[in-house]
Amino acid sequence: MPPKYFHIAFAISSTFFISCSEKDKQTKQNDYRNSYARVLAREIKQKQIDAKKDAINQAKIAKARLEEKAELLAIRIEEEQAAAEKLAEEKLEAELAEITRKQKEQKQAWTKYIGTKYETIILNGGKTLKDAKASEVRATHVTFIHSTGIANVKFKDLNYSIRKACKYDPELAVLSRKKQAELQRQIKSRLAVEAALDIKKEKPVTSKRTTKKRTTTKPRVRKTSRSKLSAPS
């Protein structure tokens, strides 16, 4: 080959190789840019997922705390209710003790009154009993033996002095039965509240504050000929 053609061929081949090298370099740079963009996209997506998990976890913790406070509040309310019912029960017991005392005094008065004699007893209805003697006293009436027989006279038909001597109280027996029934209901209600309270106290107040350890997955980078991936300039 003549020398002048050799120089021309060398120039053409050099230009071709330079052009190919620039093209390969541009291609590699584009690959690096695309890989780096994919890595960044994965990292952003992972951060969004982690943030969402953290938000859900915080919501669960807040809900668990509210449930715990509600359980403690319910226990405190039931304790106050049990204390109030115990106080009401003690009040009823005191009232019943007073009624029992009055009933005891009443029966003592009845025993003392039996045998009392009267020449004449004028009843509220106008009827008269002569040579009367009290033989029995009950809550509603007094039995008298008189000149013409035996008469059961109700307290409402007797004069005030006899009623006072017998400590007549028409509501005492009714009140006693009423208070006894009310006391039984009160005791039953208090025992039910205390039983429910004991069950709640035995059951531990557990909080659902469970936090999962955040795990971040390292994005996988496509292997290239270079050992480290750097941001494109």
Protein backbone atom coordinates (compact mmCIF):
# COMPACT_ATOMS: atom_id res chain seq x y z
CA MET A 1 0.00 0.00 0.00
CA PRO A 2 1.41 3.39 -0.91
CA PRO A 3 2.36 5.50 2.09
CA LYS A 4 -0.24 8.21 1.41
CA TYR A 5 -3.05 5.62 1.49
CA PHE A 6 -1.65 4.17 4.70
CA HIS A 7 -1.99 7.49 6.48
CA ILE A 8 -5.55 7.92 5.21
CA ALA A 9 -6.55 4.41 6.39
CA PHE A 10 -4.95 5.00 9.77
CA ALA A 11 -6.86 8.25 10.21
CA ILE A 12 -10.16 6.63 9.27
CA SER A 13 -9.63 3.69 11.61
CA SER A 14 -8.60 6.00 14.48
CA THR A 15 -11.70 8.11 13.98
CA PHE A 16 -13.86 4.99 13.98
CA PHE A 17 -12.31 3.63 17.18
CA ILE A 18 -12.62 7.01 18.92
CA SER A 19 -16.27 7.21 17.89
CA CYS A 20 -16.95 3.68 19.23
CA SER A 21 -15.18 4.45 22.52
CA GLU A 22 -17.24 7.62 23.03
CA LYS A 23 -20.43 5.74 22.28
CA ASP A 24 -19.56 2.95 24.76
CA LYS A 25 -18.71 5.52 27.38
CA GLN A 26 -22.03 7.29 26.86
CA THR A 27 -23.88 3.97 27.05
CA LYS A 28 -22.17 3.06 30.33
CA GLN A 29 -22.94 6.47 31.78
CA ASN A 30 -26.60 6.03 30.85
CA ASP A 31 -26.59 2.61 32.50
CA TYR A 32 -25.08 4.10 35.66
CA ARG A 33 -27.70 6.84 35.71
CA ASN A 34 -30.54 4.35 35.27
CA SER A 35 -29.18 2.05 37.98
CA TYR A 36 -28.73 4.93 40.39
CA ALA A 37 -32.25 6.17 39.69
CA ARG A 38 -33.67 2.70 40.39
CA VAL A 39 -31.74 2.51 43.68
CA LEU A 40 -33.08 5.90 44.75
CA ALA A 41 -36.61 4.90 43.79
CA ARG A 42 -36.36 1.71 45.88
CA GLU A 43 -35.03 3.65 48.85
CA ILE A 44 -37.85 6.21 48.63
CA LYS A 45 -40.46 3.47 48.35
CA GLN A 46 -38.97 1.61 51.32
CA LYS A 47 -39.00 4.79 53.41
CA GLN A 48 -42.66 5.31 52.54
CA ILE A 49 -43.48 1.73 53.57
CA ASP A 50 -41.57 2.15 56.85
CA ALA A 51 -43.33 5.44 57.57
CA LYS A 52 -46.72 3.80 56.98
CA LYS A 53 -45.83 0.91 59.30
CA ASP A 54 -44.67 3.36 61.97
CA ALA A 55 -47.96 5.28 61.71
CA ILE A 56 -50.00 2.07 62.06
CA ASN A 57 -47.88 0.97 65.02
CA GLN A 58 -48.29 4.34 66.77
CA ALA A 59 -52.06 4.16 66.23
CA LYS A 60 -52.13 0.69 67.83
CA ILE A 61 -50.13 1.96 70.81
CA ALA A 62 -52.49 4.91 71.28
CA LYS A 63 -55.51 2.60 71.09
CA ALA A 64 -53.96 0.22 73.64
CA ARG A 65 -53.33 3.10 76.03
CA LEU A 66 -56.92 4.28 75.72
CA GLU A 67 -58.21 0.76 76.38
CA GLU A 68 -55.97 0.47 79.44
CA LYS A 69 -57.23 3.80 80.81
CA ALA A 70 -60.83 2.72 80.16
CA GLU A 71 -60.30 -0.54 82.07
CA LEU A 72 -58.74 1.28 85.04
CA LEU A 73 -61.57 3.83 85.02
CA ALA A 74 -64.18 1.05 84.97
CA ILE A 75 -62.48 -0.62 87.95
CA ARG A 76 -62.43 2.67 89.88
CA ILE A 77 -66.12 3.31 89.14
CA GLU A 78 -67.08 -0.18 90.31
CA GLU A 79 -65.00 0.28 93.48
CA GLU A 80 -66.85 3.52 94.22
CA GLN A 81 -70.17 1.79 93.49
CA ALA A 82 -69.30 -1.08 95.83
CA ALA A 83 -68.31 1.42 98.56
CA ALA A 84 -71.57 3.34 98.11
CA GLU A 85 -73.65 0.15 98.30
CA LYS A 86 -71.74 -0.95 101.39
CA LEU A 87 -72.53 2.42 103.00
CA ALA A 88 -76.22 2.07 102.07
CA GLU A 89 -76.21 -1.44 103.50
CA GLU A 90 -74.75 -0.22 106.78
CA LYS A 91 -77.41 2.49 106.92
CA LEU A 92 -80.16 -0.09 106.40
CA GLU A 93 -78.67 -2.32 109.08
CA ALA A 94 -78.69 0.63 111.51
CA GLU A 95 -82.34 1.37 110.67
CA LEU A 96 -83.25 -2.29 111.15
CA ALA A 97 -81.44 -2.34 114.48
CA GLU A 98 -83.50 0.65 115.58
CA ILE A 99 -86.72 -1.05 114.41
CA THR A 100 -85.74 -4.25 116.25
CA ARG A 101 -85.11 -2.21 119.41
CA LYS A 102 -88.55 -0.63 119.13
CA GLN A 103 -90.16 -4.02 118.52
CA LYS A 104 -88.41 -5.40 121.60
CA GLU A 105 -89.63 -2.48 123.70
CA GLN A 106 -93.11 -2.97 122.23
CA LYS A 107 -93.20 -6.64 123.21
CA GLN A 108 -92.00 -5.78 126.70
CA ALA A 109 -94.83 -3.25 126.95
CA TRP A 110 -97.31 -5.92 125.79
CA THR A 111 -96.13 -8.34 128.46
CA LYS A 112 -96.38 -5.64 131.09
CA TYR A 113 -99.86 -4.58 129.92
CA ILE A 114 -101.36 -8.08 130.00
CA GLY A 115 -103.46 -8.43 133.15
CA THR A 116 -104.44 -4.78 133.33
CA LYS A 117 -108.01 -4.42 134.61
CA TYR A 118 -110.64 -1.82 133.85
CA GLU A 119 -114.04 -1.24 135.39
CA THR A 120 -115.23 0.29 132.13
CA ILE A 121 -113.61 0.74 128.70
CA ILE A 122 -115.38 3.08 126.30
CA LEU A 123 -114.40 2.27 122.71
CA ASN A 124 -114.17 4.90 119.98
CA GLY A 125 -117.31 3.54 118.34
CA GLY A 126 -119.32 4.09 121.54
CA LYS A 127 -119.36 0.45 122.67
CA THR A 128 -118.59 -0.19 126.37
CA LEU A 129 -116.77 -3.11 127.99
CA LYS A 130 -117.33 -3.61 131.73
CA ASP A 131 -115.04 -5.44 134.15
CA ALA A 132 -112.52 -5.85 131.33
CA LYS A 133 -109.11 -7.47 131.67
CA ALA A 134 -106.38 -7.56 129.00
CA SER A 135 -105.45 -11.16 128.26
CA GLU A 136 -103.42 -10.88 125.03
CA VAL A 137 -101.79 -8.18 122.94
CA ARG A 138 -100.94 -8.40 119.26
CA ALA A 139 -99.62 -5.90 116.74
CA THR A 140 -103.13 -4.97 115.57
CA HIS A 141 -105.44 -5.64 118.51
CA VAL A 142 -105.89 -6.38 122.21
CA THR A 143 -107.96 -9.26 123.58
CA PHE A 144 -110.10 -8.39 126.58
CA ILE A 145 -112.07 -10.68 128.88
CA HIS A 146 -115.10 -8.68 130.07
CA SER A 147 -118.39 -9.21 131.83
CA THR A 148 -120.23 -10.55 128.80
CA GLY A 149 -117.48 -12.55 127.11
CA ILE A 150 -114.25 -12.05 125.12
CA ALA A 151 -113.57 -9.26 122.63
CA ASN A 152 -110.73 -8.64 120.21
CA VAL A 153 -110.53 -4.88 120.01
CA LYS A 154 -108.41 -3.22 117.35
CA PHE A 155 -106.02 -0.52 118.48
CA LYS A 156 -107.77 2.06 116.31
CA ASP A 157 -110.91 1.56 118.44
CA LEU A 158 -109.04 1.99 121.75
CA ASN A 159 -108.27 5.26 123.45
CA TYR A 160 -104.88 6.98 123.36
CA SER A 161 -103.80 5.91 126.86
CA ILE A 162 -104.11 2.21 126.03
CA ARG A 163 -102.32 2.62 122.70
CA LYS A 164 -99.52 4.48 124.45
CA ALA A 165 -99.23 1.84 127.16
CA CYS A 166 -98.87 -0.84 124.46
CA LYS A 167 -96.48 1.33 122.38
CA TYR A 168 -98.76 0.91 119.40
CA ASP A 169 -97.08 1.66 116.07
CA PRO A 170 -99.10 0.48 113.04
CA GLU A 171 -96.21 0.95 110.62
CA LEU A 172 -93.52 -0.76 112.65
CA ALA A 173 -94.15 -4.32 111.46
CA VAL A 174 -94.67 -3.22 107.83
CA LEU A 175 -91.53 -1.09 107.97
CA SER A 176 -89.54 -3.97 109.41
CA ARG A 177 -90.56 -6.32 106.57
CA LYS A 178 -89.88 -3.62 104.00
CA LYS A 179 -86.42 -2.85 105.39
CA GLN A 180 -85.56 -6.55 105.59
CA ALA A 181 -86.43 -7.06 101.91
CA GLU A 182 -84.52 -3.92 100.94
CA LEU A 183 -81.48 -5.06 102.90
CA GLN A 184 -81.51 -8.43 101.17
CA ARG A 185 -81.62 -6.74 97.76
CA GLN A 186 -78.81 -4.41 98.80
CA ILE A 187 -76.59 -7.27 99.96
CA LYS A 188 -77.26 -9.21 96.76
CA SER A 189 -76.40 -6.18 94.61
CA ARG A 190 -73.21 -5.45 96.56
CA LEU A 191 -72.02 -9.06 96.32
CA ALA A 192 -72.59 -9.04 92.56
CA VAL A 193 -70.59 -5.82 92.15
CA GLU A 194 -67.76 -7.13 94.35
CA ALA A 195 -67.64 -10.42 92.43
CA ALA A 196 -67.37 -8.58 89.10
CA LEU A 197 -64.71 -6.30 90.57
CA ASP A 198 -62.67 -9.25 91.85
CA ILE A 199 -62.74 -10.81 88.37
CA LYS A 200 -61.48 -7.57 86.81
CA LYS A 201 -58.74 -7.20 89.42
CA GLU A 202 -57.58 -10.79 88.91
CA LYS A 203 -57.38 -10.20 85.17
CA PRO A 204 -54.16 -8.26 84.48
CA VAL A 205 -54.50 -5.03 82.58
CA THR A 206 -52.34 -5.80 79.58
CA SER A 207 -51.29 -3.15 77.18
CA LYS A 208 -51.02 -3.94 73.51
CA ARG A 209 -47.95 -1.84 73.09
CA THR A 210 -46.13 -4.15 70.75
CA THR A 211 -43.70 -2.53 68.42
CA LYS A 212 -42.12 -4.45 65.64
CA LYS A 213 -38.53 -3.82 64.92
CA ARG A 214 -38.27 -1.97 61.69
CA THR A 215 -36.39 -3.89 59.09
CA THR A 216 -35.15 -2.16 56.02
CA THR A 217 -34.26 -4.23 53.05
CA LYS A 218 -31.17 -3.18 51.25
CA PRO A 219 -31.98 -2.43 47.63
CA ARG A 220 -30.30 -4.76 45.20
CA VAL A 221 -28.09 -3.07 42.70
CA ARG A 222 -27.34 -4.57 39.39
CA LYS A 223 -23.77 -5.75 39.21
CA THR A 224 -21.56 -3.81 36.86
CA SER A 225 -17.95 -3.91 35.97
CA ARG A 226 -17.21 -1.18 38.53
CA SER A 227 -16.91 -2.17 42.17
CA LYS A 228 -18.72 0.92 43.54
CA LEU A 229 -21.64 2.77 42.11
CA SER A 230 -21.26 6.50 42.22
CA ALA A 231 -23.68 9.26 41.31
CA PRO A 232 -23.37 10.41 37.75
CA SER A 233 -21.79 13.73 37.24
